[in-house]
Amino acid sequence: MTENILNQHRNEISEMTIIPSGGGVFEIKVNGKLLFSKSELGRFPEDGEAENLVKEAI
């Protein structure tokens, strides 16, 4: 997923940080805006969902 996002948006993204955590936390943020939260939705993103969310946000 990370590789897909970077490949699709290499000219728009200057930095990407992955922060390992526990307890089932999985969030995607762009410029401080929360785009996806596993704890809120109770699931991981579907295929292509994370990439689409990032594309819409940048």
N, C-alpha and C. Protein backbone atom coordinates (compact mmCIF):
# COMPACT_ATOMS: atom_id res chain seq x y z
N MET A 1 0.82 -1.18 0.00
CA MET A 1 0.00 0.00 0.00
C MET A 1 0.87 1.26 0.00
N THR A 2 1.87 1.28 0.87
CA THR A 2 2.76 2.44 0.94
C THR A 2 3.49 2.65 -0.38
N GLU A 3 3.99 1.57 -0.95
CA GLU A 3 4.70 1.66 -2.23
C GLU A 3 3.77 2.18 -3.33
N ASN A 4 2.54 1.70 -3.35
CA ASN A 4 1.58 2.18 -4.36
C ASN A 4 1.32 3.67 -4.22
N ILE A 5 1.13 4.13 -3.00
CA ILE A 5 0.87 5.56 -2.76
C ILE A 5 2.07 6.39 -3.21
N LEU A 6 3.26 5.96 -2.84
CA LEU A 6 4.45 6.72 -3.23
C LEU A 6 4.66 6.70 -4.74
N ASN A 7 4.43 5.56 -5.38
CA ASN A 7 4.59 5.49 -6.83
C ASN A 7 3.58 6.37 -7.56
N GLN A 8 2.35 6.39 -7.09
CA GLN A 8 1.29 7.16 -7.75
C GLN A 8 1.44 8.66 -7.53
N HIS A 9 2.05 9.06 -6.41
CA HIS A 9 2.07 10.47 -6.03
C HIS A 9 3.48 10.96 -5.72
N ARG A 10 4.46 10.42 -6.40
CA ARG A 10 5.86 10.76 -6.10
C ARG A 10 6.16 12.24 -6.25
N ASN A 11 5.44 12.94 -7.12
CA ASN A 11 5.69 14.38 -7.30
C ASN A 11 4.94 15.25 -6.29
N GLU A 12 3.93 14.70 -5.65
CA GLU A 12 3.15 15.47 -4.70
C GLU A 12 3.55 15.23 -3.25
N ILE A 13 4.19 14.09 -2.97
CA ILE A 13 4.53 13.72 -1.60
C ILE A 13 6.02 13.93 -1.38
N SER A 14 6.35 14.78 -0.43
CA SER A 14 7.76 15.01 -0.13
C SER A 14 8.23 14.16 1.05
N GLU A 15 7.27 13.66 1.84
CA GLU A 15 7.64 12.87 3.02
C GLU A 15 6.48 11.97 3.40
N MET A 16 6.81 10.74 3.82
CA MET A 16 5.80 9.81 4.32
C MET A 16 6.39 9.13 5.54
N THR A 17 5.63 9.09 6.62
CA THR A 17 6.09 8.49 7.86
C THR A 17 5.18 7.33 8.22
N ILE A 18 5.80 6.20 8.53
CA ILE A 18 5.06 5.03 9.01
C ILE A 18 5.45 4.86 10.47
N ILE A 19 4.43 4.83 11.34
CA ILE A 19 4.68 4.73 12.77
C ILE A 19 4.10 3.41 13.27
N PRO A 20 4.95 2.45 13.62
CA PRO A 20 4.46 1.20 14.14
C PRO A 20 3.75 1.42 15.49
N SER A 21 2.68 0.70 15.70
CA SER A 21 1.99 0.79 16.98
C SER A 21 1.29 -0.53 17.25
N GLY A 22 0.65 -0.60 18.36
CA GLY A 22 -0.05 -1.82 18.75
C GLY A 22 -1.50 -1.52 19.01
N GLY A 23 -2.21 -2.53 19.43
CA GLY A 23 -3.60 -2.36 19.80
C GLY A 23 -4.56 -2.19 18.63
N GLY A 24 -4.13 -2.60 17.43
CA GLY A 24 -5.03 -2.54 16.29
C GLY A 24 -5.18 -1.16 15.67
N VAL A 25 -4.29 -0.23 15.99
CA VAL A 25 -4.38 1.12 15.44
C VAL A 25 -3.88 1.12 14.00
N PHE A 26 -4.67 1.69 13.10
CA PHE A 26 -4.27 1.88 11.72
C PHE A 26 -4.95 3.14 11.23
N GLU A 27 -4.16 4.19 11.00
CA GLU A 27 -4.72 5.46 10.56
C GLU A 27 -3.94 5.98 9.37
N ILE A 28 -4.63 6.71 8.52
CA ILE A 28 -4.00 7.39 7.39
C ILE A 28 -4.33 8.86 7.53
N LYS A 29 -3.27 9.69 7.58
CA LYS A 29 -3.44 11.13 7.68
C LYS A 29 -2.66 11.80 6.56
N VAL A 30 -3.20 12.87 6.02
CA VAL A 30 -2.50 13.71 5.05
C VAL A 30 -2.57 15.14 5.56
N ASN A 31 -1.40 15.75 5.74
CA ASN A 31 -1.32 17.12 6.25
C ASN A 31 -2.11 17.30 7.53
N GLY A 32 -2.04 16.29 8.40
CA GLY A 32 -2.71 16.35 9.69
C GLY A 32 -4.19 16.01 9.67
N LYS A 33 -4.76 15.80 8.47
CA LYS A 33 -6.18 15.47 8.36
C LYS A 33 -6.36 13.95 8.34
N LEU A 34 -7.18 13.44 9.23
CA LEU A 34 -7.44 12.01 9.33
C LEU A 34 -8.32 11.58 8.15
N LEU A 35 -7.79 10.67 7.34
CA LEU A 35 -8.53 10.17 6.19
C LEU A 35 -9.15 8.80 6.44
N PHE A 36 -8.49 8.00 7.27
CA PHE A 36 -8.97 6.65 7.56
C PHE A 36 -8.58 6.27 8.97
N SER A 37 -9.49 5.66 9.69
CA SER A 37 -9.21 5.18 11.03
C SER A 37 -9.85 3.81 11.22
N LYS A 38 -9.01 2.81 11.43
CA LYS A 38 -9.52 1.46 11.67
C LYS A 38 -10.36 1.42 12.94
N SER A 39 -9.96 2.18 13.95
CA SER A 39 -10.72 2.15 15.20
C SER A 39 -12.12 2.74 15.02
N GLU A 40 -12.27 3.72 14.12
CA GLU A 40 -13.60 4.30 13.89
C GLU A 40 -14.47 3.42 12.99
N LEU A 41 -13.84 2.79 11.99
CA LEU A 41 -14.60 2.01 11.02
C LEU A 41 -14.65 0.52 11.35
N GLY A 42 -13.74 0.06 12.21
CA GLY A 42 -13.72 -1.34 12.60
C GLY A 42 -13.19 -2.27 11.52
N ARG A 43 -12.37 -1.73 10.60
CA ARG A 43 -11.83 -2.55 9.51
C ARG A 43 -10.59 -1.89 8.93
N PHE A 44 -9.84 -2.68 8.16
CA PHE A 44 -8.73 -2.15 7.39
C PHE A 44 -9.27 -1.62 6.07
N PRO A 45 -8.51 -0.76 5.39
CA PRO A 45 -8.98 -0.27 4.09
C PRO A 45 -9.04 -1.41 3.07
N GLU A 46 -10.02 -1.33 2.19
CA GLU A 46 -10.15 -2.30 1.11
C GLU A 46 -9.09 -2.02 0.05
N ASP A 47 -8.90 -2.94 -0.87
CA ASP A 47 -7.91 -2.77 -1.94
C ASP A 47 -8.15 -1.46 -2.68
N GLY A 48 -7.13 -0.64 -2.75
CA GLY A 48 -7.20 0.63 -3.46
C GLY A 48 -7.84 1.77 -2.69
N GLU A 49 -8.47 1.48 -1.57
CA GLU A 49 -9.17 2.52 -0.81
C GLU A 49 -8.21 3.56 -0.25
N ALA A 50 -7.11 3.12 0.34
CA ALA A 50 -6.14 4.05 0.91
C ALA A 50 -5.54 4.93 -0.17
N GLU A 51 -5.20 4.32 -1.30
CA GLU A 51 -4.64 5.08 -2.40
C GLU A 51 -5.61 6.14 -2.90
N ASN A 52 -6.88 5.79 -3.00
CA ASN A 52 -7.90 6.75 -3.45
C ASN A 52 -8.11 7.88 -2.46
N LEU A 53 -8.08 7.57 -1.17
CA LEU A 53 -8.23 8.60 -0.15
C LEU A 53 -7.08 9.61 -0.22
N VAL A 54 -5.87 9.11 -0.40
CA VAL A 54 -4.72 10.00 -0.51
C VAL A 54 -4.81 10.83 -1.77
N LYS A 55 -5.20 10.21 -2.86
CA LYS A 55 -5.33 10.93 -4.14
C LYS A 55 -6.32 12.07 -4.01
N GLU A 56 -7.44 11.84 -3.37
CA GLU A 56 -8.46 12.87 -3.19
C GLU A 56 -7.97 14.01 -2.28
N ALA A 57 -7.09 13.68 -1.35
CA ALA A 57 -6.65 14.67 -0.36
C ALA A 57 -5.51 15.56 -0.87
N ILE A 58 -4.78 15.10 -1.90
CA ILE A 58 -3.65 15.92 -2.35
C ILE A 58 -3.91 16.60 -3.66
